[in-house]
Each structure stands twice: as C-alpha cells, then as structure tokens.
Amino acid sequence: MNITTDSVQEVWHKLDDPGSYEWWYFDAEDEAQGISIVLVWFSGFAFSPYYINHYEEWKSGIRADRPHPGNYAGFSFQLYENGRETINFIKEGRDGLFDSFFPEIGIRFEGNAFHYDSQKDEYRLTIDFAFPARRKRVQGAFSFRPRHRFDYSRDKSPVADPAPRLQWHLSVPKADVDGELSIDSEQPVSLREVRFRGLGYHDHNLGTVPMYESISRWYWGRAFSERFDLIYYVIFLQGHKSAPLAVMMLNDNQSGKKKVFDDVRITENHFTRGLFAPSHGKTLGLQTEDVSVMVSHNDVLDTGPFYLRYASMFSMTVDGYRLDGVRGISEFLNPMALQSRILRFFIASRVWRDGKSSVMYSGYNFFKHQYNWLNRKIF
C-alpha cells in the first residue's frame, strides 16, 4: 500500500491487469448556496457490476477473454443541494470513450475532461453530458486552484509481500473552486444556470485487482475551518489482522505549518447499517500523541450497498487547542458487498452501460425523476 503526494504519480498509469482500476476524484462545496459537487473519471470502473461479473467469469474459466479496464472506463457526476441528491449520473463504456493527455496530467471521457495547467497551477474541468433517463443535459466548467499541498510518501508494502499494489495519491488537499453549471431539463421544460464559488479537494486512487480482493473497509474525510484543515484516510486491508493503515494530514491556517501523522489509533463506535447500506461506525475516532479527532457521520448525502457519503461534524484537539462543530465531508466504503451478485444487480440501477439496455437502470431513474418532480411541486 503506497501513499504519496508526488505530482508525477497523477498521470494515467495504463494499468491492464484484469480487475485493475484507477480514478481521479474532484469534490467541491459552495457553502453559501448549500451546493456540493463530485466529479470522478475512471479507467477501469472499480464499482461496475459489469466489470466485476466479467472478471469473476474469466477467473472461474467461464469466459476466456480477459477483462481489460479500458473496456470499463467511466465518468460520474453528482450534485447535492441542501443535503439532497439532485443529480446522480454514472456512465461507463467500452474502449474509445476514454482518453488521456499523457504524458501530461488529464483525462477525458466523452465530453467530460480535466486537464492540469502546470504554468498556472490550475485544474480545468469541463462537463458536457446528456442524461436521457432523467431528461436532462448538463454542461459546465470549473477551475480548481490549489491553496496548498503536502510533501509526503509512505510505502507499507514489504518487499516480500505478494499483496496487490494499492496507491492513494493526495493531489490537492484544498483548492479554491469557481465554475458555472447549466442544467437543461425537458420535463418540466426549464434551463437553470448555477454560478459556483467554494472550496474543493482532489485525489487519485489505483489498484491492480478488484477492491474486494484487497480492501476490507475504508474511511475517508476532510474538514476545512478557519484555523485547521484536516484530511484523514483509514483503510483496513484484506487478510491483515493488524491495525488499519491510517494517516491524518493537518494544515494550520494560522501558522502555515503542515503536519502528517501516520501512527494513528482508530476507534469505530455506534455501528449501524441500513437495508442496502453496509455496516459501519457512526462515529470514528482518530488519536495521536498531539491530535485527537472525533468524526460524527450525521446527515446521509448518498447511500448504496457498498458506499455511504455523509455531511459530518468534526471535533478536534490539536496541541491542547480545542475546536468543535467543524463541518466536513466523510465517506465509507465496504468493497466486500461487491462480491454479492444480488447486490450487484441493484448497483446496476445506478450505472448507464453504453450500448446496453437495463430495466433496473431505466426503472430506478424513472421513479427518481418522478419523485424529484413531485417534491418540486409540493415544496
């Protein structure tokens, strides 16, 4: 397991091992308007039921053709408004929809792309996609300008360890984000323009085998405050009975000092689960000699059989300085759920596979569209 902030690692790694994956994640919030967005580009969509089915059939000998990540590339865009998901778009497709700007940093999937301008130290994101299932077209452009970065590297994979390669690359812990979003709806007919200004985050992950073969569970989160910015990353590896791999990165906005803690004790409390939500701790504690953090997973923004996204509340003590009530974003992932064919059947309701019709996908989005329309009529 590697953790790095080296910008060289942000380029596309051209992984071709069966089940391998790579994604680039951008997350931003306009607190004044109560709007947040998430954009992710995938080379090998790690959560695709189609990719996983192909991998398992190949591994068991049912299929002879190897599952190549290039045939399961994808892009996702989520829009949350006042704690409620209003757009949840995920599309994957065969080879040809995905491209990179290699050797430069940048990825494209159909009309959706990001590119890093090293001269300006700026990420430019553009989106342009049709969402037929919700009768919408979404277009926009965003600028991510890093406020600061960390300089850190850690490799927890012993030389003799045959475990698959995993890497978390923290690209941008905090960024100023500006952008515009246009949402064109067919029913009811409307054109909505959104001007976005807020704070964002960007990271990059990759692995050489399906996640459920290497990861047991995974917590991640970030919180920005006037005094401190905090990023945490906690991963429980498959087959490892020892403590999880955990890292906290802290930026003191007053002094400008940055600290990285990689000897972090973890406590999970108040375990809960939903009908289709994985079991997880509603509170997460992170402790070092100098820093103590408690994360309360409060309001659910997105939920699924293997994934949860929360608007969370952070309390922290740093070198004796106490700070409560800091708002942030947290996520929980349990890849083990991806092994279930029944749950993969339901996951397919969220994924538009290019060139493949899906009753689950059409049905889910029809009812979701009607539900959102009814809510607008009532409220």
Protein backbone atom coordinates (compact mmCIF):
# COMPACT_ATOMS: atom_id res chain seq x y z
CA MET A 1 0.00 0.00 0.00
CA ASN A 2 1.50 3.31 -1.14
CA ILE A 3 0.54 6.79 -0.06
CA THR A 4 2.08 9.71 -1.91
CA THR A 5 1.67 13.37 -2.80
CA ASP A 6 4.15 13.23 -5.69
CA SER A 7 2.55 15.01 -8.67
CA VAL A 8 4.31 12.66 -11.10
CA GLN A 9 2.01 9.89 -9.87
CA GLU A 10 -1.09 11.72 -11.08
CA VAL A 11 -0.63 10.72 -14.72
CA TRP A 12 -2.55 7.77 -16.13
CA HIS A 13 -0.72 4.55 -15.18
CA LYS A 14 -2.04 2.50 -18.14
CA LEU A 15 -2.91 -0.46 -15.90
CA ASP A 16 -4.06 -3.50 -17.85
CA ASP A 17 -4.23 -6.25 -15.20
CA PRO A 18 -7.65 -7.93 -15.05
CA GLY A 19 -9.72 -6.16 -12.39
CA SER A 20 -7.35 -3.21 -12.08
CA TYR A 21 -8.72 0.29 -11.69
CA GLU A 22 -7.71 3.94 -11.48
CA TRP A 23 -9.78 7.03 -10.72
CA TRP A 24 -9.40 10.80 -10.37
CA TYR A 25 -11.74 12.40 -7.84
CA PHE A 26 -12.79 16.07 -7.52
CA ASP A 27 -15.04 17.31 -4.73
CA ALA A 28 -16.21 20.88 -4.07
CA GLU A 29 -18.75 22.72 -1.92
CA ASP A 30 -20.35 26.14 -2.23
CA GLU A 31 -21.39 26.54 1.39
CA ALA A 32 -23.22 29.83 0.84
CA GLN A 33 -25.63 28.22 -1.63
CA GLY A 34 -25.78 24.80 0.04
CA ILE A 35 -24.44 23.13 -3.12
CA SER A 36 -21.77 20.46 -3.47
CA ILE A 37 -20.49 18.52 -6.47
CA VAL A 38 -18.44 15.38 -7.05
CA LEU A 39 -16.77 14.51 -10.36
CA VAL A 40 -14.86 11.27 -10.95
CA TRP A 41 -13.06 9.90 -14.02
CA PHE A 42 -12.45 6.12 -14.15
CA SER A 43 -10.06 3.89 -16.09
CA GLY A 44 -11.49 0.57 -15.01
CA PHE A 45 -14.68 1.40 -13.10
CA ALA A 46 -13.97 -0.40 -9.82
CA PHE A 47 -17.64 -0.48 -8.77
CA SER A 48 -19.11 -1.61 -12.09
CA PRO A 49 -21.26 -4.75 -11.81
CA TYR A 50 -20.47 -5.44 -15.48
CA TYR A 51 -16.71 -5.27 -14.90
CA ILE A 52 -16.91 -7.46 -11.79
CA ASN A 53 -19.12 -10.04 -13.50
CA HIS A 54 -16.68 -10.25 -16.40
CA TYR A 55 -13.73 -10.61 -14.00
CA GLU A 56 -15.34 -13.39 -11.98
CA GLU A 57 -16.47 -15.30 -15.08
CA TRP A 58 -12.95 -15.02 -16.51
CA LYS A 59 -11.35 -16.06 -13.24
CA SER A 60 -13.61 -19.11 -12.93
CA GLY A 61 -12.99 -20.13 -16.55
CA ILE A 62 -16.50 -19.39 -17.84
CA ARG A 63 -15.07 -16.73 -20.16
CA ALA A 64 -11.74 -16.83 -21.99
CA ASP A 65 -11.42 -13.09 -22.72
CA ARG A 66 -9.58 -11.11 -20.07
CA PRO A 67 -11.48 -8.14 -18.58
CA HIS A 68 -9.50 -5.07 -19.61
CA PRO A 69 -10.02 -1.84 -17.62
CA GLY A 70 -10.12 0.12 -20.88
CA ASN A 71 -13.43 -1.54 -21.72
CA TYR A 72 -14.89 -0.39 -18.40
CA ALA A 73 -13.89 3.27 -18.27
CA GLY A 74 -16.38 5.78 -16.91
CA PHE A 75 -17.37 9.17 -15.59
CA SER A 76 -19.67 10.19 -12.75
CA PHE A 77 -21.17 13.50 -11.68
CA GLN A 78 -23.17 14.12 -8.51
CA LEU A 79 -24.92 17.30 -7.50
CA TYR A 80 -26.18 17.75 -3.93
CA GLU A 81 -28.35 20.67 -2.89
CA ASN A 82 -29.21 21.44 0.73
CA GLY A 83 -28.37 17.90 1.78
CA ARG A 84 -30.28 16.18 -1.04
CA GLU A 85 -29.00 14.49 -4.19
CA THR A 86 -30.48 16.14 -7.29
CA ILE A 87 -28.28 14.60 -9.99
CA ASN A 88 -26.55 11.23 -9.82
CA PHE A 89 -25.05 10.42 -13.22
CA ILE A 90 -22.75 7.43 -13.80
CA LYS A 91 -21.83 6.22 -17.27
CA GLU A 92 -19.32 3.60 -18.34
CA GLY A 93 -18.37 2.35 -21.77
CA ARG A 94 -16.12 0.36 -23.98
CA ASP A 95 -12.71 1.35 -25.29
CA GLY A 96 -12.85 4.60 -27.27
CA LEU A 97 -14.87 6.74 -24.87
CA PHE A 98 -11.85 7.23 -22.58
CA ASP A 99 -8.64 9.06 -23.42
CA SER A 100 -5.79 10.73 -21.54
CA PHE A 101 -3.49 13.71 -22.10
CA PHE A 102 -0.48 11.50 -21.26
CA PRO A 103 2.32 12.36 -20.58
CA GLU A 104 0.53 15.43 -19.23
CA ILE A 105 -1.98 15.22 -16.38
CA GLY A 106 -5.52 14.96 -17.66
CA ILE A 107 -8.33 12.59 -18.62
CA ARG A 108 -11.31 12.67 -20.98
CA PHE A 109 -14.47 10.58 -21.09
CA GLU A 110 -16.72 11.63 -23.97
CA GLY A 111 -17.36 15.37 -23.49
CA ASN A 112 -16.12 15.42 -19.91
CA ALA A 113 -12.48 16.21 -19.23
CA PHE A 114 -9.98 17.65 -16.82
CA HIS A 115 -6.51 18.97 -17.53
CA TYR A 116 -3.78 20.35 -15.28
CA ASP A 117 -2.07 23.58 -16.33
CA SER A 118 1.33 23.43 -14.61
CA GLN A 119 2.17 27.03 -15.53
CA LYS A 120 -0.90 28.38 -13.72
CA ASP A 121 -1.06 25.55 -11.16
CA GLU A 122 -4.72 25.08 -12.05
CA TYR A 123 -7.03 22.19 -12.91
CA ARG A 124 -9.61 22.97 -15.58
CA LEU A 125 -12.68 20.74 -15.62
CA THR A 126 -15.34 20.70 -18.33
CA ILE A 127 -18.51 18.62 -18.37
CA ASP A 128 -21.00 18.03 -21.15
CA PHE A 129 -23.32 15.04 -20.95
CA ALA A 130 -26.85 14.04 -21.80
CA PHE A 131 -28.83 12.24 -19.11
CA PRO A 132 -31.75 10.72 -21.05
CA ALA A 133 -33.04 8.71 -18.09
CA ARG A 134 -33.69 11.96 -16.19
CA ARG A 135 -34.45 14.01 -19.34
CA LYS A 136 -31.61 16.43 -18.70
CA ARG A 137 -28.48 17.80 -20.31
CA VAL A 138 -25.74 19.10 -18.07
CA GLN A 139 -22.87 21.36 -19.11
CA GLY A 140 -20.33 23.27 -17.09
CA ALA A 141 -16.77 24.35 -16.43
CA PHE A 142 -14.83 24.53 -13.18
CA SER A 143 -11.44 25.78 -12.04
CA PHE A 144 -9.59 24.13 -9.12
CA ARG A 145 -6.69 26.28 -7.86
CA PRO A 146 -4.68 24.61 -5.04
CA ARG A 147 -4.23 26.64 -1.88
CA HIS A 148 -1.53 24.35 -0.51
CA ARG A 149 -0.09 20.85 -0.92
CA PHE A 150 1.67 18.32 1.28
CA ASP A 151 5.03 16.63 0.70
CA TYR A 152 4.72 13.05 1.92
CA SER A 153 5.40 9.50 0.80
CA ARG A 154 4.90 6.16 2.51
CA ASP A 155 5.17 2.59 1.29
CA LYS A 156 3.75 -0.05 3.62
CA SER A 157 4.29 -2.96 1.22
CA PRO A 158 7.19 -5.18 2.33
CA VAL A 159 9.43 -6.36 -0.50
CA ALA A 160 8.38 -9.96 0.03
CA ASP A 161 4.67 -9.11 0.36
CA PRO A 162 2.72 -10.58 -2.59
CA ALA A 163 -0.24 -8.30 -1.83
CA PRO A 164 -1.61 -6.36 -4.81
CA ARG A 165 -0.44 -2.84 -5.47
CA LEU A 166 -2.64 -0.12 -3.98
CA GLN A 167 -1.99 3.60 -4.08
CA TRP A 168 -3.66 6.69 -2.68
CA HIS A 169 -2.36 9.90 -4.17
CA LEU A 170 -3.36 13.09 -2.36
CA SER A 171 -3.13 15.66 -5.15
CA VAL A 172 -4.86 18.75 -3.75
CA PRO A 173 -5.92 18.85 -0.09
CA LYS A 174 -7.66 22.21 -0.53
CA ALA A 175 -8.49 24.37 -3.53
CA ASP A 176 -10.40 27.50 -4.47
CA VAL A 177 -13.12 26.46 -6.89
CA ASP A 178 -15.04 28.62 -9.34
CA GLY A 179 -17.38 27.44 -12.01
CA GLU A 180 -20.65 27.55 -13.89
CA LEU A 181 -23.24 24.85 -14.35
CA SER A 182 -26.11 24.70 -16.84
CA ILE A 183 -28.94 22.18 -16.36
CA ASP A 184 -31.35 21.88 -19.26
CA SER A 185 -34.48 19.88 -18.39
CA GLU A 186 -37.02 18.51 -20.87
CA GLN A 187 -39.78 17.82 -18.34
CA PRO A 188 -40.68 20.20 -16.95
CA VAL A 189 -39.04 22.38 -19.58
CA SER A 190 -36.51 24.63 -17.88
CA LEU A 191 -32.96 25.94 -18.13
CA ARG A 192 -31.14 26.54 -14.88
CA GLU A 193 -27.84 28.37 -14.56
CA VAL A 194 -25.72 27.96 -11.42
CA ARG A 195 -22.71 30.08 -10.54
CA PHE A 196 -20.41 28.15 -8.22
CA ARG A 197 -17.80 29.51 -5.82
CA GLY A 198 -16.40 27.47 -2.97
CA LEU A 199 -13.68 25.17 -1.70
CA GLY A 200 -12.60 21.82 -3.11
CA TYR A 201 -10.44 18.74 -2.83
CA HIS A 202 -8.81 16.36 -5.33
CA ASP A 203 -7.19 12.94 -5.03
CA HIS A 204 -6.34 9.89 -7.15
CA ASN A 205 -6.55 6.14 -6.43
CA LEU A 206 -5.44 2.97 -8.17
CA GLY A 207 -5.21 -0.77 -7.63
CA THR A 208 -4.23 -3.85 -9.62
CA VAL A 209 -7.01 -6.25 -8.54
CA PRO A 210 -10.70 -5.79 -7.67
CA MET A 211 -11.13 -3.81 -4.47
CA TYR A 212 -12.88 -6.64 -2.59
CA GLU A 213 -9.77 -8.81 -3.02
CA SER A 214 -7.54 -6.27 -1.28
CA ILE A 215 -9.65 -3.96 0.90
CA SER A 216 -11.96 -4.87 3.78
CA ARG A 217 -13.30 -1.39 4.57
CA TRP A 218 -12.28 2.20 4.07
CA TYR A 219 -12.99 5.56 5.75
CA TRP A 220 -12.02 8.91 4.28
CA GLY A 221 -12.92 12.50 5.13
CA ARG A 222 -11.97 16.15 5.09
CA ALA A 223 -12.86 19.25 7.09
CA PHE A 224 -11.96 22.88 6.44
CA SER A 225 -12.07 25.50 9.18
CA GLU A 226 -10.63 28.96 9.72
CA ARG A 227 -7.88 27.51 11.92
CA PHE A 228 -7.23 23.96 10.66
CA ASP A 229 -7.71 21.89 7.52
CA LEU A 230 -7.84 18.15 8.15
CA ILE A 231 -7.69 15.13 5.82
CA TYR A 232 -7.93 11.56 7.12
CA TYR A 233 -7.57 8.21 5.37
CA VAL A 234 -8.18 4.86 7.08
CA ILE A 235 -8.01 1.54 5.24
CA PHE A 236 -8.45 -2.00 6.56
CA LEU A 237 -6.63 -4.41 4.25
CA GLN A 238 -7.86 -7.91 3.46
CA GLY A 239 -6.07 -10.68 5.34
CA HIS A 240 -4.32 -8.25 7.71
CA LYS A 241 -5.29 -8.74 11.36
CA SER A 242 -3.08 -5.86 12.46
CA ALA A 243 -4.23 -2.28 12.92
CA PRO A 244 -5.53 -0.48 9.84
CA LEU A 245 -3.35 1.81 7.79
CA ALA A 246 -4.28 5.33 8.89
CA VAL A 247 -2.99 8.78 8.03
CA MET A 248 -4.03 12.27 9.14
CA MET A 249 -2.82 15.41 7.38
CA LEU A 250 -3.24 18.72 9.17
CA ASN A 251 -2.63 22.24 7.89
CA ASP A 252 -2.53 25.09 10.40
CA ASN A 253 -4.00 28.05 8.51
CA GLN A 254 -2.71 30.45 11.13
CA SER A 255 0.95 29.44 11.14
CA GLY A 256 1.10 27.76 7.72
CA LYS A 257 2.68 24.65 9.27
CA LYS A 258 1.78 21.23 7.90
CA LYS A 259 1.87 18.00 9.86
CA VAL A 260 1.38 14.41 8.74
CA PHE A 261 0.54 11.74 11.32
CA ASP A 262 0.93 8.12 10.24
CA ASP A 263 0.82 6.47 13.67
CA VAL A 264 -2.89 6.94 14.24
CA ARG A 265 -5.06 4.87 16.58
CA ILE A 266 -8.55 4.22 15.28
CA THR A 267 -11.81 3.59 17.15
CA GLU A 268 -15.13 2.76 15.48
CA ASN A 269 -18.27 3.22 17.57
CA HIS A 270 -22.08 3.07 17.30
CA PHE A 271 -22.18 0.58 14.43
CA THR A 272 -25.24 0.75 12.25
CA ARG A 273 -26.47 -0.40 8.85
CA GLY A 274 -29.43 0.17 6.55
CA LEU A 275 -31.49 -2.06 4.27
CA PHE A 276 -28.98 -1.60 1.44
CA ALA A 277 -26.26 0.23 3.38
CA PRO A 278 -23.15 -1.52 4.73
CA SER A 279 -22.42 -1.84 8.44
CA HIS A 280 -20.15 0.99 9.62
CA GLY A 281 -19.27 3.10 12.63
CA LYS A 282 -21.44 6.21 13.01
CA THR A 283 -18.57 7.80 14.92
CA LEU A 284 -14.90 7.47 14.12
CA GLY A 285 -12.09 8.40 16.49
CA LEU A 286 -8.53 9.23 15.38
CA GLN A 287 -5.86 9.66 18.03
CA THR A 288 -2.15 10.53 18.14
CA GLU A 289 0.00 11.96 20.88
CA ASP A 290 -0.69 15.53 19.77
CA VAL A 291 -4.03 15.33 17.99
CA SER A 292 -7.42 13.89 18.85
CA VAL A 293 -10.30 13.90 16.34
CA MET A 294 -13.87 12.66 16.60
CA VAL A 295 -15.92 12.39 13.41
CA SER A 296 -19.71 12.10 13.66
CA HIS A 297 -21.37 10.84 10.49
CA ASN A 298 -24.56 12.87 10.67
CA ASP A 299 -26.57 13.50 7.50
CA VAL A 300 -26.55 10.95 4.69
CA LEU A 301 -25.94 12.55 1.29
CA ASP A 302 -25.68 9.34 -0.72
CA THR A 303 -26.16 5.68 0.11
CA GLY A 304 -25.69 2.34 -1.60
CA PRO A 305 -24.90 -1.33 -0.94
CA PHE A 306 -21.18 -0.63 -0.55
CA TYR A 307 -20.89 3.15 -0.15
CA LEU A 308 -22.01 6.00 2.12
CA ARG A 309 -21.38 9.71 1.85
CA TYR A 310 -22.03 11.94 4.85
CA ALA A 311 -22.15 15.56 5.82
CA SER A 312 -20.20 15.13 9.05
CA MET A 313 -19.32 17.08 12.15
CA PHE A 314 -15.73 17.16 13.43
CA SER A 315 -14.39 17.85 16.91
CA MET A 316 -10.63 18.10 17.30
CA THR A 317 -7.97 18.90 19.85
CA VAL A 318 -4.59 19.94 18.43
CA ASP A 319 -1.73 20.56 20.87
CA GLY A 320 -4.27 21.45 23.55
CA TYR A 321 -6.32 23.74 21.29
CA ARG A 322 -9.97 22.59 21.21
CA LEU A 323 -12.19 23.08 18.16
CA ASP A 324 -15.80 21.82 17.95
CA GLY A 325 -18.56 21.94 15.38
CA VAL A 326 -16.41 21.86 12.24
CA ARG A 327 -18.41 20.81 9.17
CA GLY A 328 -16.92 18.34 6.72
CA ILE A 329 -17.47 15.51 4.28
CA SER A 330 -16.93 11.82 5.09
CA GLU A 331 -17.19 8.64 3.08
CA PHE A 332 -17.30 4.96 3.94
CA LEU A 333 -16.67 2.09 1.56
CA ASN A 334 -17.14 -1.64 2.07
CA PRO A 335 -15.99 -3.35 -1.15
CA MET A 336 -16.94 -6.78 0.24
CA ALA A 337 -20.53 -6.08 -0.80
CA LEU A 338 -19.41 -6.10 -4.42
CA GLN A 339 -18.98 -9.89 -4.18
CA SER A 340 -22.74 -10.37 -3.91
CA ARG A 341 -24.49 -11.00 -7.24
CA ILE A 342 -27.78 -9.84 -5.70
CA LEU A 343 -26.30 -6.51 -4.62
CA ARG A 344 -24.56 -6.10 -7.98
CA PHE A 345 -27.99 -6.47 -9.57
CA PHE A 346 -29.19 -3.44 -7.58
CA ILE A 347 -25.97 -1.49 -8.19
CA ALA A 348 -26.71 -1.78 -11.91
CA SER A 349 -29.70 0.53 -11.36
CA ARG A 350 -27.23 3.42 -10.94
CA VAL A 351 -24.92 2.67 -13.88
CA TRP A 352 -25.58 3.51 -17.53
CA ARG A 353 -23.56 1.00 -19.54
CA ASP A 354 -23.05 2.38 -23.05
CA GLY A 355 -24.77 0.18 -25.63
CA LYS A 356 -26.56 -1.97 -23.06
CA SER A 357 -30.22 -1.64 -22.05
CA SER A 358 -31.12 -2.21 -18.40
CA VAL A 359 -34.60 -2.48 -16.92
CA MET A 360 -33.14 -1.78 -13.47
CA TYR A 361 -31.45 1.41 -14.65
CA SER A 362 -34.49 2.68 -16.56
CA GLY A 363 -36.87 1.86 -13.72
CA TYR A 364 -34.76 3.42 -10.99
CA ASN A 365 -34.27 6.67 -12.88
CA PHE A 366 -37.94 6.88 -13.92
CA PHE A 367 -39.11 6.72 -10.32
CA LYS A 368 -36.29 9.02 -9.15
CA HIS A 369 -37.26 11.58 -11.79
CA GLN A 370 -40.93 11.43 -10.79
CA TYR A 371 -40.02 11.72 -7.10
CA ASN A 372 -37.89 14.82 -7.68
CA TRP A 373 -40.61 16.39 -9.84
CA LEU A 374 -43.24 15.71 -7.14
CA ASN A 375 -41.03 17.24 -4.46
CA ARG A 376 -40.67 20.44 -6.50
CA LYS A 377 -44.44 20.62 -6.95
CA ILE A 378 -45.14 20.17 -3.23
CA PHE A 379 -42.37 22.35 -1.82
